[in-house]
Amino acid sequence: MHEDQSRESGLSLIHALREVWQKQELQISYLYGTKEHPEADLLIPHINLTRTPPEYVEHIRSYPHVVNRNVVDISKRRISTNLLSENETCEGPVIVKTDNNYGGRLEYRLA
């Protein structure tokens, strides 16, 4: 467990929460990967992939208290019903999103 600044680039909600919790003098630890299994009162998984790999799902489920324990797939087709098919039309503005989180960039880098 360690705090690795290179892995924390960018702003996200989890980093804002960390700052609040540190001001409350709560102990915050980072765990990268699944090799270690430290005790924790609460686990907040923050995996920058569209689908959580099975070894992470198993690791996460071994903790008693987990935020969003069962959120293992955040693909757009999984979490949204507001989808247009190829031949459908829609009046007004449309936001185009890829099925994969962040355009699948992280999955592409891992492949």
PDB file of N, CA and C in Angstrom:
ATOM      1  N   MET A   1       0.849  -1.170   0.000  1.00  0.00           N
ATOM      2  CA  MET A   1       0.000   0.000   0.000  1.00  0.00           C
ATOM      3  C   MET A   1       0.892   1.229   0.000  1.00  0.00           C
ATOM      4  N   HIS A   2       0.559   2.140  -0.876  1.00  0.00           N
ATOM      5  CA  HIS A   2       1.346   3.345  -0.973  1.00  0.00           C
ATOM      6  C   HIS A   2       0.564   4.391  -1.754  1.00  0.00           C
ATOM      7  N   GLU A   3       1.018   5.608  -1.664  1.00  0.00           N
ATOM      8  CA  GLU A   3       0.400   6.682  -2.429  1.00  0.00           C
ATOM      9  C   GLU A   3       1.315   6.992  -3.597  1.00  0.00           C
ATOM     10  N   ASP A   4       0.877   6.680  -4.777  1.00  0.00           N
ATOM     11  CA  ASP A   4       1.683   6.846  -5.978  1.00  0.00           C
ATOM     12  C   ASP A   4       1.108   7.992  -6.792  1.00  0.00           C
ATOM     13  N   GLN A   5       1.781   9.139  -6.763  1.00  0.00           N
ATOM     14  CA  GLN A   5       1.270  10.333  -7.425  1.00  0.00           C
ATOM     15  C   GLN A   5       1.056  10.120  -8.909  1.00  0.00           C
ATOM     16  N   SER A   6       1.870   9.299  -9.561  1.00  0.00           N
ATOM     17  CA  SER A   6       1.721   9.107 -10.998  1.00  0.00           C
ATOM     18  C   SER A   6       0.401   8.421 -11.334  1.00  0.00           C
ATOM     19  N   ARG A   7      -0.137   7.657 -10.432  1.00  0.00           N
ATOM     20  CA  ARG A   7      -1.406   6.971 -10.672  1.00  0.00           C
ATOM     21  C   ARG A   7      -2.593   7.858 -10.307  1.00  0.00           C
ATOM     22  N   GLU A   8      -2.347   9.014  -9.728  1.00  0.00           N
ATOM     23  CA  GLU A   8      -3.426   9.869  -9.269  1.00  0.00           C
ATOM     24  C   GLU A   8      -3.587  11.116 -10.117  1.00  0.00           C
ATOM     25  N   SER A   9      -3.173  11.062 -11.362  1.00  0.00           N
ATOM     26  CA  SER A   9      -3.283  12.244 -12.195  1.00  0.00           C
ATOM     27  C   SER A   9      -4.746  12.523 -12.504  1.00  0.00           C
ATOM     28  N   GLY A  10      -5.067  13.788 -12.670  1.00  0.00           N
ATOM     29  CA  GLY A  10      -6.434  14.182 -12.977  1.00  0.00           C
ATOM     30  C   GLY A  10      -7.247  14.388 -11.714  1.00  0.00           C
ATOM     31  N   LEU A  11      -8.362  15.032 -11.873  1.00  0.00           N
ATOM     32  CA  LEU A  11      -9.253  15.292 -10.746  1.00  0.00           C
ATOM     33  C   LEU A  11     -10.404  14.309 -10.786  1.00  0.00           C
ATOM     34  N   SER A  12     -10.805  13.824  -9.646  1.00  0.00           N
ATOM     35  CA  SER A  12     -11.967  12.953  -9.576  1.00  0.00           C
ATOM     36  C   SER A  12     -12.591  13.074  -8.194  1.00  0.00           C
ATOM     37  N   LEU A  13     -13.794  12.603  -8.102  1.00  0.00           N
ATOM     38  CA  LEU A  13     -14.527  12.673  -6.843  1.00  0.00           C
ATOM     39  C   LEU A  13     -13.776  11.976  -5.711  1.00  0.00           C
ATOM     40  N   ILE A  14     -13.157  10.863  -6.002  1.00  0.00           N
ATOM     41  CA  ILE A  14     -12.479  10.100  -4.945  1.00  0.00           C
ATOM     42  C   ILE A  14     -11.352  10.920  -4.309  1.00  0.00           C
ATOM     43  N   HIS A  15     -10.679  11.744  -5.100  1.00  0.00           N
ATOM     44  CA  HIS A  15      -9.601  12.568  -4.564  1.00  0.00           C
ATOM     45  C   HIS A  15     -10.148  13.707  -3.705  1.00  0.00           C
ATOM     46  N   ALA A  16     -11.281  14.237  -4.092  1.00  0.00           N
ATOM     47  CA  ALA A  16     -11.923  15.276  -3.282  1.00  0.00           C
ATOM     48  C   ALA A  16     -12.381  14.687  -1.944  1.00  0.00           C
ATOM     49  N   LEU A  17     -12.930  13.486  -1.981  1.00  0.00           N
ATOM     50  CA  LEU A  17     -13.346  12.822  -0.746  1.00  0.00           C
ATOM     51  C   LEU A  17     -12.149  12.541   0.147  1.00  0.00           C
ATOM     52  N   ARG A  18     -11.048  12.122  -0.448  1.00  0.00           N
ATOM     53  CA  ARG A  18      -9.829  11.856   0.328  1.00  0.00           C
ATOM     54  C   ARG A  18      -9.424  13.089   1.128  1.00  0.00           C
ATOM     55  N   GLU A  19      -9.461  14.253   0.488  1.00  0.00           N
ATOM     56  CA  GLU A  19      -9.075  15.486   1.175  1.00  0.00           C
ATOM     57  C   GLU A  19      -9.972  15.763   2.367  1.00  0.00           C
ATOM     58  N   VAL A  20     -11.262  15.554   2.216  1.00  0.00           N
ATOM     59  CA  VAL A  20     -12.210  15.767   3.318  1.00  0.00           C
ATOM     60  C   VAL A  20     -11.927  14.793   4.447  1.00  0.00           C
ATOM     61  N   TRP A  21     -11.724  13.528   4.108  1.00  0.00           N
ATOM     62  CA  TRP A  21     -11.485  12.517   5.136  1.00  0.00           C
ATOM     63  C   TRP A  21     -10.166  12.742   5.859  1.00  0.00           C
ATOM     64  N   GLN A  22      -9.152  13.194   5.139  1.00  0.00           N
ATOM     65  CA  GLN A  22      -7.870  13.478   5.794  1.00  0.00           C
ATOM     66  C   GLN A  22      -8.004  14.627   6.788  1.00  0.00           C
ATOM     67  N   LYS A  23      -8.807  15.620   6.451  1.00  0.00           N
ATOM     68  CA  LYS A  23      -9.043  16.732   7.384  1.00  0.00           C
ATOM     69  C   LYS A  23      -9.755  16.251   8.639  1.00  0.00           C
ATOM     70  N   GLN A  24     -10.516  15.179   8.516  1.00  0.00           N
ATOM     71  CA  GLN A  24     -11.198  14.573   9.663  1.00  0.00           C
ATOM     72  C   GLN A  24     -10.294  13.580  10.385  1.00  0.00           C
ATOM     73  N   GLU A  25      -9.032  13.517   9.955  1.00  0.00           N
ATOM     74  CA  GLU A  25      -8.010  12.652  10.526  1.00  0.00           C
ATOM     75  C   GLU A  25      -8.328  11.165  10.417  1.00  0.00           C
ATOM     76  N   LEU A  26      -9.035  10.806   9.344  1.00  0.00           N
ATOM     77  CA  LEU A  26      -9.263   9.387   9.064  1.00  0.00           C
ATOM     78  C   LEU A  26      -8.052   8.840   8.320  1.00  0.00           C
ATOM     79  N   GLN A  27      -7.715   7.607   8.572  1.00  0.00           N
ATOM     80  CA  GLN A  27      -6.574   6.992   7.893  1.00  0.00           C
ATOM     81  C   GLN A  27      -7.008   6.513   6.514  1.00  0.00           C
ATOM     82  N   ILE A  28      -6.297   6.951   5.504  1.00  0.00           N
ATOM     83  CA  ILE A  28      -6.581   6.593   4.120  1.00  0.00           C
ATOM     84  C   ILE A  28      -5.402   5.778   3.591  1.00  0.00           C
ATOM     85  N   SER A  29      -5.692   4.645   2.999  1.00  0.00           N
ATOM     86  CA  SER A  29      -4.647   3.819   2.404  1.00  0.00           C
ATOM     87  C   SER A  29      -5.043   3.499   0.974  1.00  0.00           C
ATOM     88  N   TYR A  30      -4.039   3.350   0.134  1.00  0.00           N
ATOM     89  CA  TYR A  30      -4.259   2.986  -1.263  1.00  0.00           C
ATOM     90  C   TYR A  30      -3.762   1.571  -1.469  1.00  0.00           C
ATOM     91  N   LEU A  31      -4.501   0.837  -2.224  1.00  0.00           N
ATOM     92  CA  LEU A  31      -4.144  -0.538  -2.539  1.00  0.00           C
ATOM     93  C   LEU A  31      -4.189  -0.674  -4.052  1.00  0.00           C
ATOM     94  N   TYR A  32      -3.071  -1.043  -4.646  1.00  0.00           N
ATOM     95  CA  TYR A  32      -2.997  -1.237  -6.091  1.00  0.00           C
ATOM     96  C   TYR A  32      -2.816  -2.717  -6.364  1.00  0.00           C
ATOM     97  N   GLY A  33      -3.706  -3.275  -7.142  1.00  0.00           N
ATOM     98  CA  GLY A  33      -3.629  -4.689  -7.446  1.00  0.00           C
ATOM     99  C   GLY A  33      -4.358  -5.531  -6.417  1.00  0.00           C
ATOM    100  N   THR A  34      -4.169  -6.827  -6.509  1.00  0.00           N
ATOM    101  CA  THR A  34      -4.906  -7.758  -5.644  1.00  0.00           C
ATOM    102  C   THR A  34      -4.001  -8.648  -4.795  1.00  0.00           C
ATOM    103  N   LYS A  35      -2.704  -8.385  -4.801  1.00  0.00           N
ATOM    104  CA  LYS A  35      -1.780  -9.263  -4.065  1.00  0.00           C
ATOM    105  C   LYS A  35      -1.868  -9.071  -2.554  1.00  0.00           C
ATOM    106  N   GLU A  36      -2.075  -7.840  -2.120  1.00  0.00           N
ATOM    107  CA  GLU A  36      -2.180  -7.565  -0.685  1.00  0.00           C
ATOM    108  C   GLU A  36      -3.645  -7.570  -0.274  1.00  0.00           C
ATOM    109  N   HIS A  37      -3.893  -7.890   0.990  1.00  0.00           N
ATOM    110  CA  HIS A  37      -5.256  -7.892   1.515  1.00  0.00           C
ATOM    111  C   HIS A  37      -5.269  -7.309   2.931  1.00  0.00           C
ATOM    112  N   PRO A  38      -5.026  -6.001   3.047  1.00  0.00           N
ATOM    113  CA  PRO A  38      -5.022  -5.394   4.381  1.00  0.00           C
ATOM    114  C   PRO A  38      -6.439  -5.279   4.944  1.00  0.00           C
ATOM    115  N   GLU A  39      -6.527  -5.206   6.255  1.00  0.00           N
ATOM    116  CA  GLU A  39      -7.829  -4.979   6.884  1.00  0.00           C
ATOM    117  C   GLU A  39      -8.278  -3.568   6.557  1.00  0.00           C
ATOM    118  N   ALA A  40      -9.597  -3.402   6.421  1.00  0.00           N
ATOM    119  CA  ALA A  40     -10.145  -2.078   6.135  1.00  0.00           C
ATOM    120  C   ALA A  40     -11.570  -2.006   6.664  1.00  0.00           C
ATOM    121  N   ASP A  41     -11.934  -0.853   7.202  1.00  0.00           N
ATOM    122  CA  ASP A  41     -13.312  -0.642   7.640  1.00  0.00           C
ATOM    123  C   ASP A  41     -14.229  -0.440   6.445  1.00  0.00           C
ATOM    124  N   LEU A  42     -13.671   0.120   5.375  1.00  0.00           N
ATOM    125  CA  LEU A  42     -14.456   0.391   4.176  1.00  0.00           C
ATOM    126  C   LEU A  42     -13.545   0.356   2.963  1.00  0.00           C
ATOM    127  N   LEU A  43     -13.996  -0.287   1.899  1.00  0.00           N
ATOM    128  CA  LEU A  43     -13.252  -0.341   0.649  1.00  0.00           C
ATOM    129  C   LEU A  43     -14.052   0.407  -0.411  1.00  0.00           C
ATOM    130  N   ILE A  44     -13.381   1.302  -1.111  1.00  0.00           N
ATOM    131  CA  ILE A  44     -14.002   2.019  -2.214  1.00  0.00           C
ATOM    132  C   ILE A  44     -13.207   1.694  -3.472  1.00  0.00           C
ATOM    133  N   PRO A  45     -13.681   0.735  -4.253  1.00  0.00           N
ATOM    134  CA  PRO A  45     -12.947   0.389  -5.475  1.00  0.00           C
ATOM    135  C   PRO A  45     -12.969   1.555  -6.462  1.00  0.00           C
ATOM    136  N   HIS A  46     -11.854   1.814  -7.069  1.00  0.00           N
ATOM    137  CA  HIS A  46     -11.740   2.874  -8.076  1.00  0.00           C
ATOM    138  C   HIS A  46     -10.863   2.321  -9.195  1.00  0.00           C
ATOM    139  N   ILE A  47     -11.511   1.611 -10.105  1.00  0.00           N
ATOM    140  CA  ILE A  47     -10.800   0.928 -11.177  1.00  0.00           C
ATOM    141  C   ILE A  47     -11.180   1.610 -12.480  1.00  0.00           C
ATOM    142  N   ASN A  48     -10.210   2.155 -13.170  1.00  0.00           N
ATOM    143  CA  ASN A  48     -10.481   2.917 -14.387  1.00  0.00           C
ATOM    144  C   ASN A  48     -10.625   2.024 -15.615  1.00  0.00           C
ATOM    145  N   LEU A  49     -11.502   1.061 -15.531  1.00  0.00           N
ATOM    146  CA  LEU A  49     -11.795   0.183 -16.659  1.00  0.00           C
ATOM    147  C   LEU A  49     -13.311   0.087 -16.808  1.00  0.00           C
ATOM    148  N   THR A  50     -13.764  -0.240 -17.980  1.00  0.00           N
ATOM    149  CA  THR A  50     -15.196  -0.385 -18.223  1.00  0.00           C
ATOM    150  C   THR A  50     -15.754  -1.582 -17.457  1.00  0.00           C
ATOM    151  N   ARG A  51     -15.055  -2.676 -17.514  1.00  0.00           N
ATOM    152  CA  ARG A  51     -15.470  -3.890 -16.814  1.00  0.00           C
ATOM    153  C   ARG A  51     -14.376  -4.290 -15.824  1.00  0.00           C
ATOM    154  N   THR A  52     -14.776  -4.540 -14.599  1.00  0.00           N
ATOM    155  CA  THR A  52     -13.827  -4.927 -13.567  1.00  0.00           C
ATOM    156  C   THR A  52     -13.348  -6.352 -13.828  1.00  0.00           C
ATOM    157  N   PRO A  53     -12.029  -6.562 -13.905  1.00  0.00           N
ATOM    158  CA  PRO A  53     -11.497  -7.914 -14.142  1.00  0.00           C
ATOM    159  C   PRO A  53     -11.931  -8.882 -13.036  1.00  0.00           C
ATOM    160  N   PRO A  54     -12.155 -10.161 -13.390  1.00  0.00           N
ATOM    161  CA  PRO A  54     -12.644 -11.154 -12.420  1.00  0.00           C
ATOM    162  C   PRO A  54     -11.802 -11.250 -11.147  1.00  0.00           C
ATOM    163  N   GLU A  55     -10.469 -11.149 -11.260  1.00  0.00           N
ATOM    164  CA  GLU A  55      -9.642 -11.260 -10.054  1.00  0.00           C
ATOM    165  C   GLU A  55      -9.889 -10.090  -9.101  1.00  0.00           C
ATOM    166  N   TYR A  56     -10.247  -8.925  -9.644  1.00  0.00           N
ATOM    167  CA  TYR A  56     -10.580  -7.776  -8.797  1.00  0.00           C
ATOM    168  C   TYR A  56     -11.952  -7.961  -8.168  1.00  0.00           C
ATOM    169  N   VAL A  57     -12.905  -8.496  -8.927  1.00  0.00           N
ATOM    170  CA  VAL A  57     -14.244  -8.751  -8.386  1.00  0.00           C
ATOM    171  C   VAL A  57     -14.142  -9.681  -7.184  1.00  0.00           C
ATOM    172  N   GLU A  58     -13.373 -10.745  -7.325  1.00  0.00           N
ATOM    173  CA  GLU A  58     -13.185 -11.702  -6.228  1.00  0.00           C
ATOM    174  C   GLU A  58     -12.531 -11.024  -5.021  1.00  0.00           C
ATOM    175  N   HIS A  59     -11.515 -10.225  -5.271  1.00  0.00           N
ATOM    176  CA  HIS A  59     -10.806  -9.522  -4.203  1.00  0.00           C
ATOM    177  C   HIS A  59     -11.743  -8.541  -3.482  1.00  0.00           C
ATOM    178  N   ILE A  60     -12.485  -7.778  -4.242  1.00  0.00           N
ATOM    179  CA  ILE A  60     -13.419  -6.793  -3.683  1.00  0.00           C
ATOM    180  C   ILE A  60     -14.469  -7.488  -2.825  1.00  0.00           C
ATOM    181  N   ARG A  61     -14.975  -8.589  -3.302  1.00  0.00           N
ATOM    182  CA  ARG A  61     -16.038  -9.306  -2.573  1.00  0.00           C
ATOM    183  C   ARG A  61     -15.554  -9.937  -1.285  1.00  0.00           C
ATOM    184  N   SER A  62     -14.244 -10.018  -1.080  1.00  0.00           N
ATOM    185  CA  SER A  62     -13.720 -10.591   0.156  1.00  0.00           C
ATOM    186  C   SER A  62     -13.752  -9.589   1.312  1.00  0.00           C
ATOM    187  N   TYR A  63     -14.055  -8.331   1.025  1.00  0.00           N
ATOM    188  CA  TYR A  63     -14.163  -7.314   2.077  1.00  0.00           C
ATOM    189  C   TYR A  63     -15.607  -7.205   2.541  1.00  0.00           C
ATOM    190  N   PRO A  64     -15.825  -7.002   3.853  1.00  0.00           N
ATOM    191  CA  PRO A  64     -17.199  -6.958   4.364  1.00  0.00           C
ATOM    192  C   PRO A  64     -17.977  -5.689   3.989  1.00  0.00           C
ATOM    193  N   HIS A  65     -17.300  -4.559   3.875  1.00  0.00           N
ATOM    194  CA  HIS A  65     -17.983  -3.288   3.602  1.00  0.00           C
ATOM    195  C   HIS A  65     -17.362  -2.637   2.377  1.00  0.00           C
ATOM    196  N   VAL A  66     -18.144  -2.599   1.289  1.00  0.00           N
ATOM    197  CA  VAL A  66     -17.640  -2.101   0.013  1.00  0.00           C
ATOM    198  C   VAL A  66     -18.682  -1.170  -0.614  1.00  0.00           C
ATOM    199  N   VAL A  67     -18.236   0.007  -1.029  1.00  0.00           N
ATOM    200  CA  VAL A  67     -19.110   0.917  -1.764  1.00  0.00           C
ATOM    201  C   VAL A  67     -19.233   0.397  -3.194  1.00  0.00           C
ATOM    202  N   ASN A  68     -20.450   0.302  -3.693  1.00  0.00           N
ATOM    203  CA  ASN A  68     -20.708  -0.173  -5.059  1.00  0.00           C
ATOM    204  C   ASN A  68     -20.103  -1.552  -5.322  1.00  0.00           C
ATOM    205  N   ARG A  69     -20.271  -2.434  -4.369  1.00  0.00           N
ATOM    206  CA  ARG A  69     -19.706  -3.787  -4.439  1.00  0.00           C
ATOM    207  C   ARG A  69     -20.059  -4.501  -5.748  1.00  0.00           C
ATOM    208  N   ASN A  70     -21.280  -4.355  -6.203  1.00  0.00           N
ATOM    209  CA  ASN A  70     -21.735  -5.119  -7.362  1.00  0.00           C
ATOM    210  C   ASN A  70     -21.659  -4.354  -8.679  1.00  0.00           C
ATOM    211  N   VAL A  71     -21.035  -3.187  -8.677  1.00  0.00           N
ATOM    212  CA  VAL A  71     -20.871  -2.433  -9.922  1.00  0.00           C
ATOM    213  C   VAL A  71     -19.588  -2.926 -10.581  1.00  0.00           C
ATOM    214  N   VAL A  72     -19.748  -3.821 -11.528  1.00  0.00           N
ATOM    215  CA  VAL A  72     -18.582  -4.428 -12.180  1.00  0.00           C
ATOM    216  C   VAL A  72     -18.545  -4.148 -13.682  1.00  0.00           C
ATOM    217  N   ASP A  73     -19.594  -3.489 -14.201  1.00  0.00           N
ATOM    218  CA  ASP A  73     -19.664  -3.173 -15.628  1.00  0.00           C
ATOM    219  C   ASP A  73     -20.330  -1.810 -15.774  1.00  0.00           C
ATOM    220  N   ILE A  74     -19.550  -0.814 -16.208  1.00  0.00           N
ATOM    221  CA  ILE A  74     -20.111   0.534 -16.371  1.00  0.00           C
ATOM    222  C   ILE A  74     -20.225   0.922 -17.845  1.00  0.00           C
ATOM    223  N   SER A  75     -20.310  -0.099 -18.718  1.00  0.00           N
ATOM    224  CA  SER A  75     -20.468   0.206 -20.141  1.00  0.00           C
ATOM    225  C   SER A  75     -21.783   0.948 -20.345  1.00  0.00           C
ATOM    226  N   LYS A  76     -21.813   1.817 -21.330  1.00  0.00           N
ATOM    227  CA  LYS A  76     -22.983   2.659 -21.551  1.00  0.00           C
ATOM    228  C   LYS A  76     -24.232   1.827 -21.808  1.00  0.00           C
ATOM    229  N   ARG A  77     -24.100   0.742 -22.551  1.00  0.00           N
ATOM    230  CA  ARG A  77     -25.268  -0.107 -22.824  1.00  0.00           C
ATOM    231  C   ARG A  77     -25.777  -0.798 -21.556  1.00  0.00           C
ATOM    232  N   ARG A  78     -24.901  -0.971 -20.595  1.00  0.00           N
ATOM    233  CA  ARG A  78     -25.287  -1.616 -19.334  1.00  0.00           C
ATOM    234  C   ARG A  78     -26.011  -0.645 -18.398  1.00  0.00           C
ATOM    235  N   ILE A  79     -25.590   0.619 -18.386  1.00  0.00           N
ATOM    236  CA  ILE A  79     -26.133   1.557 -17.400  1.00  0.00           C
ATOM    237  C   ILE A  79     -27.160   2.532 -17.959  1.00  0.00           C
ATOM    238  N   SER A  80     -27.375   2.543 -19.278  1.00  0.00           N
ATOM    239  CA  SER A  80     -28.303   3.509 -19.853  1.00  0.00           C
ATOM    240  C   SER A  80     -29.287   2.843 -20.796  1.00  0.00           C
ATOM    241  N   THR A  81     -30.525   3.301 -20.728  1.00  0.00           N
ATOM    242  CA  THR A  81     -31.540   2.846 -21.679  1.00  0.00           C
ATOM    243  C   THR A  81     -31.785   3.913 -22.744  1.00  0.00           C
ATOM    244  N   ASN A  82     -31.107   5.034 -22.650  1.00  0.00           N
ATOM    245  CA  ASN A  82     -31.270   6.128 -23.597  1.00  0.00           C
ATOM    246  C   ASN A  82     -30.331   5.938 -24.781  1.00  0.00           C
ATOM    247  N   LEU A  83     -30.652   4.953 -25.614  1.00  0.00           N
ATOM    248  CA  LEU A  83     -29.800   4.608 -26.738  1.00  0.00           C
ATOM    249  C   LEU A  83     -30.579   4.730 -28.039  1.00  0.00           C
ATOM    250  N   LEU A  84     -29.906   5.202 -29.047  1.00  0.00           N
ATOM    251  CA  LEU A  84     -30.494   5.251 -30.379  1.00  0.00           C
ATOM    252  C   LEU A  84     -29.891   4.137 -31.217  1.00  0.00           C
ATOM    253  N   SER A  85     -30.729   3.481 -31.997  1.00  0.00           N
ATOM    254  CA  SER A  85     -30.193   2.469 -32.906  1.00  0.00           C
ATOM    255  C   SER A  85     -29.690   3.157 -34.167  1.00  0.00           C
ATOM    256  N   GLU A  86     -29.023   2.426 -35.009  1.00  0.00           N
ATOM    257  CA  GLU A  86     -28.393   2.980 -36.196  1.00  0.00           C
ATOM    258  C   GLU A  86     -29.392   3.695 -37.116  1.00  0.00           C
ATOM    259  N   ASN A  87     -30.602   3.181 -37.240  1.00  0.00           N
ATOM    260  CA  ASN A  87     -31.590   3.750 -38.159  1.00  0.00           C
ATOM    261  C   ASN A  87     -32.589   4.684 -37.486  1.00  0.00           C
ATOM    262  N   GLU A  88     -32.431   4.932 -36.218  1.00  0.00           N
ATOM    263  CA  GLU A  88     -33.341   5.798 -35.475  1.00  0.00           C
ATOM    264  C   GLU A  88     -33.002   7.260 -35.689  1.00  0.00           C
ATOM    265  N   THR A  89     -34.012   8.106 -35.633  1.00  0.00           N
ATOM    266  CA  THR A  89     -33.782   9.546 -35.712  1.00  0.00           C
ATOM    267  C   THR A  89     -34.195  10.183 -34.396  1.00  0.00           C
ATOM    268  N   CYS A  90     -33.631  11.343 -34.149  1.00  0.00           N
ATOM    269  CA  CYS A  90     -33.938  12.061 -32.914  1.00  0.00           C
ATOM    270  C   CYS A  90     -33.830  13.549 -33.201  1.00  0.00           C
ATOM    271  N   GLU A  91     -34.855  14.282 -32.824  1.00  0.00           N
ATOM    272  CA  GLU A  91     -34.792  15.731 -32.984  1.00  0.00           C
ATOM    273  C   GLU A  91     -34.124  16.325 -31.755  1.00  0.00           C
ATOM    274  N   GLY A  92     -33.303  17.299 -31.988  1.00  0.00           N
ATOM    275  CA  GLY A  92     -32.622  17.958 -30.887  1.00  0.00           C
ATOM    276  C   GLY A  92     -31.213  17.428 -30.717  1.00  0.00           C
ATOM    277  N   PRO A  93     -30.518  17.950 -29.720  1.00  0.00           N
ATOM    278  CA  PRO A  93     -29.121  17.559 -29.516  1.00  0.00           C
ATOM    279  C   PRO A  93     -28.990  16.116 -29.023  1.00  0.00           C
ATOM    280  N   VAL A  94     -27.910  15.488 -29.426  1.00  0.00           N
ATOM    281  CA  VAL A  94     -27.604  14.121 -29.024  1.00  0.00           C
ATOM    282  C   VAL A  94     -26.155  14.089 -28.544  1.00  0.00           C
ATOM    283  N   ILE A  95     -25.908  13.424 -27.446  1.00  0.00           N
ATOM    284  CA  ILE A  95     -24.544  13.233 -26.951  1.00  0.00           C
ATOM    285  C   ILE A  95     -24.094  11.847 -27.405  1.00  0.00           C
ATOM    286  N   VAL A  96     -22.981  11.792 -28.074  1.00  0.00           N
ATOM    287  CA  VAL A  96     -22.444  10.516 -28.538  1.00  0.00           C
ATOM    288  C   VAL A  96     -21.420  10.017 -27.513  1.00  0.00           C
ATOM    289  N   LYS A  97     -21.656   8.837 -26.987  1.00  0.00           N
ATOM    290  CA  LYS A  97     -20.752   8.233 -26.011  1.00  0.00           C
ATOM    291  C   LYS A  97     -20.370   6.845 -26.499  1.00  0.00           C
ATOM    292  N   THR A  98     -19.146   6.463 -26.249  1.00  0.00           N
ATOM    293  CA  THR A  98     -18.736   5.104 -26.582  1.00  0.00           C
ATOM    294  C   THR A  98     -19.286   4.157 -25.527  1.00  0.00           C
ATOM    295  N   ASP A  99     -19.361   2.898 -25.860  1.00  0.00           N
ATOM    296  CA  ASP A  99     -19.820   1.896 -24.906  1.00  0.00           C
ATOM    297  C   ASP A  99     -18.818   1.757 -23.774  1.00  0.00           C
ATOM    298  N   ASN A 100     -17.542   1.880 -24.089  1.00  0.00           N
ATOM    299  CA  ASN A 100     -16.502   1.740 -23.077  1.00  0.00           C
ATOM    300  C   ASN A 100     -16.241   3.050 -22.354  1.00  0.00           C
ATOM    301  N   ASN A 101     -15.854   2.948 -21.101  1.00  0.00           N
ATOM    302  CA  ASN A 101     -15.475   4.093 -20.291  1.00  0.00           C
ATOM    303  C   ASN A 101     -14.284   4.809 -20.919  1.00  0.00           C
ATOM    304  N   TYR A 102     -14.336   6.115 -20.985  1.00  0.00           N
ATOM    305  CA  TYR A 102     -13.240   6.948 -21.503  1.00  0.00           C
ATOM    306  C   TYR A 102     -12.812   6.503 -22.895  1.00  0.00           C
ATOM    307  N   GLY A 103     -13.802   6.133 -23.708  1.00  0.00           N
ATOM    308  CA  GLY A 103     -13.526   5.721 -25.086  1.00  0.00           C
ATOM    309  C   GLY A 103     -12.760   4.421 -25.201  1.00  0.00           C
ATOM    310  N   GLY A 104     -12.649   3.678 -24.121  1.00  0.00           N
ATOM    311  CA  GLY A 104     -11.915   2.410 -24.143  1.00  0.00           C
ATOM    312  C   GLY A 104     -10.403   2.586 -24.163  1.00  0.00           C
ATOM    313  N   ARG A 105      -9.932   3.798 -23.879  1.00  0.00           N
ATOM    314  CA  ARG A 105      -8.491   4.063 -23.954  1.00  0.00           C
ATOM    315  C   ARG A 105      -7.672   3.186 -23.015  1.00  0.00           C
ATOM    316  N   LEU A 106      -8.165   2.994 -21.810  1.00  0.00           N
ATOM    317  CA  LEU A 106      -7.400   2.183 -20.852  1.00  0.00           C
ATOM    318  C   LEU A 106      -7.372   0.725 -21.264  1.00  0.00           C
ATOM    319  N   GLU A 107      -8.515   0.215 -21.747  1.00  0.00           N
ATOM    320  CA  GLU A 107      -8.547  -1.168 -22.221  1.00  0.00           C
ATOM    321  C   GLU A 107      -7.598  -1.342 -23.413  1.00  0.00           C
ATOM    322  N   TYR A 108      -7.585  -0.356 -24.288  1.00  0.00           N
ATOM    323  CA  TYR A 108      -6.706  -0.415 -25.455  1.00  0.00           C
ATOM    324  C   TYR A 108      -5.235  -0.470 -25.023  1.00  0.00           C
ATOM    325  N   ARG A 109      -4.872   0.349 -24.030  1.00  0.00           N
ATOM    326  CA  ARG A 109      -3.481   0.349 -23.538  1.00  0.00           C
ATOM    327  C   ARG A 109      -3.105  -0.986 -22.916  1.00  0.00           C
ATOM    328  N   LEU A 110      -4.061  -1.644 -22.257  1.00  0.00           N
ATOM    329  CA  LEU A 110      -3.774  -2.918 -21.595  1.00  0.00           C
ATOM    330  C   LEU A 110      -3.694  -4.081 -22.587  1.00  0.00           C
ATOM    331  N   ALA A 111      -4.346  -3.927 -23.748  1.00  0.00           N
ATOM    332  CA  ALA A 111      -4.407  -5.035 -24.717  1.00  0.00           C
ATOM    333  C   ALA A 111      -3.084  -5.292 -25.381  1.00  0.00           C
TER     334      ALA A 111
END
